[in-house]
Amino acid sequence: MNLFKIFISAFLINNVVLLRFIALCPFIGMSSDEDKAIGMGLAVTFVTVLATAVTWPIYHFILAPDGIFKDVLPNGLVFLQLLVFILVIASLVQLVEFYLKKSAPALYASMGIYLALITTNCAILAVTLDNISNGYNFIESIVYAIGVAAGFLLSLILLAGIRKRIRISPVPAFLKGTPILFISAGLLSMAFMGFSGLVK
């Protein structure tokens, strides 16, 4: 599969939030304005790409059945895959947290609890596991990670823009707040279903 197809598939056709319904917590929590959405999207992009770059070689050279322990353990250390991947992601989130705290304190303060929640952002773990299950090589894995992260960023920015319009729109009282937000997210998700035939 060529790299462009992998990227478009991850970015639009199988958008991690709008079509796979993964990472809904930061999608709803960090889309209240565009600055927060962009900050969270870039932080998730950094962690996703770096997590992929670290977990792919760990899996293939250490954990896989044909890794360095193939003579001792015929099935390798695959049973440790989830634990190792979560540890890598948590470590990378700490790195991002330290960086933002020092270099962008305003963004760090505005992200609040959601910055720490990147550790439990299932989209990042899903990317690392997808790369293994899809049999992607290292370059394909990085392209897939960038595509998923870009799709996450796009969905955050789109919902932030919609929420900005909703604030100045005459929404009926019974739909104000959470109901109109979820209706908007659902309509956005339906719109993205139109990309399903883009790449065969």
Protein backbone atom coordinates (compact mmCIF):
# COMPACT_ATOMS: atom_id res chain seq x y z
CA MET A 1 0.00 0.00 0.00
CA ASN A 2 1.50 3.34 -0.93
CA LEU A 3 2.14 6.04 1.65
CA PHE A 4 -0.41 8.50 0.26
CA LYS A 5 -3.22 5.93 0.57
CA ILE A 6 -2.18 5.13 4.14
CA PHE A 7 -2.19 8.82 5.05
CA ILE A 8 -5.56 9.64 3.40
CA SER A 9 -7.13 6.52 4.90
CA ALA A 10 -5.99 7.49 8.42
CA PHE A 11 -6.71 11.21 7.97
CA LEU A 12 -10.17 11.20 6.36
CA ILE A 13 -11.61 7.77 5.57
CA ASN A 14 -11.05 6.19 9.01
CA ASN A 15 -10.85 9.39 11.05
CA VAL A 16 -10.00 8.27 14.56
CA VAL A 17 -12.61 10.48 16.26
CA LEU A 18 -15.42 10.95 13.78
CA LEU A 19 -15.56 7.45 12.28
CA ARG A 20 -13.89 5.18 14.82
CA PHE A 21 -15.21 7.09 17.88
CA ILE A 22 -11.91 6.88 19.74
CA ALA A 23 -10.57 9.74 21.92
CA LEU A 24 -13.96 11.38 22.46
CA CYS A 25 -12.98 12.78 25.88
CA PRO A 26 -10.37 15.29 24.61
CA PHE A 27 -12.48 15.83 21.46
CA ILE A 28 -15.34 17.22 23.55
CA GLY A 29 -13.25 18.70 26.37
CA MET A 30 -10.64 20.57 24.33
CA SER A 31 -12.76 21.89 21.48
CA SER A 32 -14.25 24.84 23.38
CA ASP A 33 -11.99 27.25 21.46
CA GLU A 34 -9.55 27.03 18.56
CA ASP A 35 -6.37 27.78 20.55
CA LYS A 36 -7.01 24.93 22.98
CA ALA A 37 -7.94 22.62 20.09
CA ILE A 38 -4.75 23.39 18.18
CA GLY A 39 -2.59 23.05 21.32
CA MET A 40 -4.10 19.67 22.20
CA GLY A 41 -3.92 18.50 18.58
CA LEU A 42 -0.23 19.38 18.27
CA ALA A 43 0.59 17.75 21.62
CA VAL A 44 -1.23 14.57 20.58
CA THR A 45 0.52 14.64 17.19
CA PHE A 46 3.93 14.86 18.83
CA VAL A 47 3.19 12.03 21.27
CA THR A 48 1.57 9.82 18.60
CA VAL A 49 4.45 10.09 16.12
CA LEU A 50 7.10 9.69 18.80
CA ALA A 51 5.24 6.75 20.40
CA THR A 52 5.09 5.04 17.00
CA ALA A 53 8.80 5.68 16.38
CA VAL A 54 9.64 4.10 19.75
CA THR A 55 7.12 1.24 19.97
CA TRP A 56 7.61 -0.15 16.44
CA PRO A 57 11.28 -1.13 16.96
CA ILE A 58 10.58 -2.28 20.53
CA TYR A 59 7.92 -4.66 19.25
CA HIS A 60 9.80 -5.95 16.21
CA PHE A 61 13.23 -6.33 17.78
CA ILE A 62 12.37 -7.25 21.37
CA LEU A 63 8.75 -8.35 21.90
CA ALA A 64 7.93 -10.17 18.63
CA PRO A 65 8.25 -13.96 18.33
CA ASP A 66 11.19 -13.49 15.92
CA GLY A 67 12.83 -10.86 18.15
CA ILE A 68 16.01 -11.20 20.22
CA PHE A 69 14.40 -13.72 22.61
CA LYS A 70 13.29 -16.16 19.88
CA ASP A 71 15.70 -18.87 21.05
CA VAL A 72 14.57 -18.65 24.69
CA LEU A 73 10.87 -17.84 24.27
CA PRO A 74 9.26 -19.26 21.11
CA ASN A 75 6.31 -16.85 21.39
CA GLY A 76 8.50 -13.89 22.33
CA LEU A 77 7.29 -11.29 24.81
CA VAL A 78 4.11 -10.34 22.94
CA PHE A 79 2.12 -10.67 26.17
CA LEU A 80 3.94 -7.54 27.44
CA GLN A 81 2.95 -5.46 24.41
CA LEU A 82 0.14 -3.44 26.03
CA LEU A 83 2.11 -2.78 29.19
CA VAL A 84 5.23 -1.65 27.33
CA PHE A 85 3.29 0.54 24.90
CA ILE A 86 1.38 2.28 27.73
CA LEU A 87 4.66 2.88 29.61
CA VAL A 88 6.22 4.44 26.50
CA ILE A 89 3.18 6.68 25.91
CA ALA A 90 3.08 7.78 29.58
CA SER A 91 6.78 8.67 29.48
CA LEU A 92 6.34 10.73 26.31
CA VAL A 93 3.37 12.58 27.80
CA GLN A 94 5.50 13.52 30.79
CA LEU A 95 8.09 14.90 28.38
CA VAL A 96 5.43 17.03 26.64
CA GLU A 97 4.06 18.18 30.00
CA PHE A 98 7.49 19.34 31.21
CA TYR A 99 8.14 21.13 27.93
CA LEU A 100 4.79 22.97 27.90
CA LYS A 101 5.06 23.89 31.57
CA LYS A 102 8.40 25.57 30.91
CA SER A 103 7.93 27.07 27.43
CA ALA A 104 4.16 27.74 27.15
CA PRO A 105 2.71 28.15 30.65
CA ALA A 106 -0.53 29.74 29.37
CA LEU A 107 -1.26 26.77 27.11
CA TYR A 108 -0.22 24.40 29.90
CA ALA A 109 -2.69 26.06 32.30
CA SER A 110 -5.53 26.11 29.75
CA MET A 111 -5.10 22.40 28.97
CA GLY A 112 -5.36 21.49 32.65
CA ILE A 113 -6.32 17.89 33.29
CA TYR A 114 -6.61 17.10 29.58
CA LEU A 115 -2.83 17.26 29.18
CA ALA A 116 -2.38 14.42 31.66
CA LEU A 117 -5.23 12.58 29.95
CA ILE A 118 -3.14 12.26 26.79
CA THR A 119 -1.60 9.28 28.61
CA THR A 120 -4.97 7.54 28.56
CA ASN A 121 -5.90 8.83 25.09
CA CYS A 122 -6.87 5.56 23.46
CA ALA A 123 -6.17 7.01 19.99
CA ILE A 124 -2.43 6.94 20.67
CA LEU A 125 -2.51 3.36 21.91
CA ALA A 126 -4.78 2.41 18.99
CA VAL A 127 -2.23 3.79 16.50
CA THR A 128 0.63 1.77 17.99
CA LEU A 129 -1.48 -1.40 17.98
CA ASP A 130 -2.84 -0.76 14.47
CA ASN A 131 0.69 -0.46 13.11
CA ILE A 132 1.48 -3.96 14.38
CA SER A 133 -1.81 -5.58 13.32
CA ASN A 134 -1.70 -3.98 9.84
CA GLY A 135 1.86 -5.21 9.31
CA TYR A 136 3.19 -1.76 8.41
CA ASN A 137 6.93 -1.24 8.08
CA PHE A 138 8.59 1.61 10.00
CA ILE A 139 8.00 4.34 7.38
CA GLU A 140 4.39 3.26 6.81
CA SER A 141 3.83 3.28 10.57
CA ILE A 142 5.11 6.86 10.87
CA VAL A 143 2.92 8.00 7.95
CA TYR A 144 -0.09 6.26 9.51
CA ALA A 145 0.62 7.95 12.86
CA ILE A 146 0.88 11.37 11.20
CA GLY A 147 -2.39 10.73 9.34
CA VAL A 148 -4.27 9.70 12.48
CA ALA A 149 -2.88 12.65 14.46
CA ALA A 150 -3.73 15.09 11.64
CA GLY A 151 -7.26 13.66 11.52
CA PHE A 152 -7.57 14.15 15.29
CA LEU A 153 -6.35 17.75 14.96
CA LEU A 154 -8.75 18.41 12.07
CA SER A 155 -11.74 17.07 14.00
CA LEU A 156 -10.84 19.22 17.04
CA ILE A 157 -10.55 22.39 14.92
CA LEU A 158 -13.80 21.67 13.07
CA LEU A 159 -15.76 21.13 16.30
CA ALA A 160 -14.17 24.23 17.86
CA GLY A 161 -15.35 26.29 14.87
CA ILE A 162 -18.85 24.82 15.09
CA ARG A 163 -19.01 25.55 18.84
CA LYS A 164 -17.98 29.15 18.17
CA ARG A 165 -20.91 29.51 15.74
CA ILE A 166 -23.32 27.78 18.13
CA ARG A 167 -22.56 30.37 20.84
CA ILE A 168 -23.98 33.16 18.66
CA SER A 169 -26.80 31.12 17.10
CA PRO A 170 -30.42 31.07 18.29
CA VAL A 171 -30.44 27.50 19.64
CA PRO A 172 -33.75 26.36 21.21
CA ALA A 173 -33.54 26.24 25.02
CA PHE A 174 -34.03 22.47 25.26
CA LEU A 175 -31.03 21.88 22.95
CA LYS A 176 -28.59 24.34 24.55
CA GLY A 177 -25.34 22.98 25.98
CA THR A 178 -24.53 19.29 25.66
CA PRO A 179 -27.43 18.22 23.38
CA ILE A 180 -26.56 20.61 20.53
CA LEU A 181 -22.88 19.75 20.95
CA PHE A 182 -23.51 16.05 20.45
CA ILE A 183 -25.92 16.67 17.58
CA SER A 184 -23.23 18.79 15.89
CA ALA A 185 -20.58 16.11 16.47
CA GLY A 186 -22.95 13.48 15.04
CA LEU A 187 -23.63 15.56 11.91
CA LEU A 188 -19.89 16.13 11.49
CA SER A 189 -19.35 12.38 11.76
CA MET A 190 -22.02 11.72 9.12
CA ALA A 191 -20.34 14.25 6.81
CA PHE A 192 -17.04 12.36 7.12
CA MET A 193 -18.76 9.13 6.05
CA GLY A 194 -18.83 10.68 2.58
CA PHE A 195 -15.07 10.08 2.31
CA SER A 196 -15.52 6.30 2.60
CA GLY A 197 -15.18 5.63 -1.14
CA LEU A 198 -12.18 7.91 -1.65
CA VAL A 199 -9.48 5.21 -1.60
CA LYS A 200 -10.14 1.63 -2.60
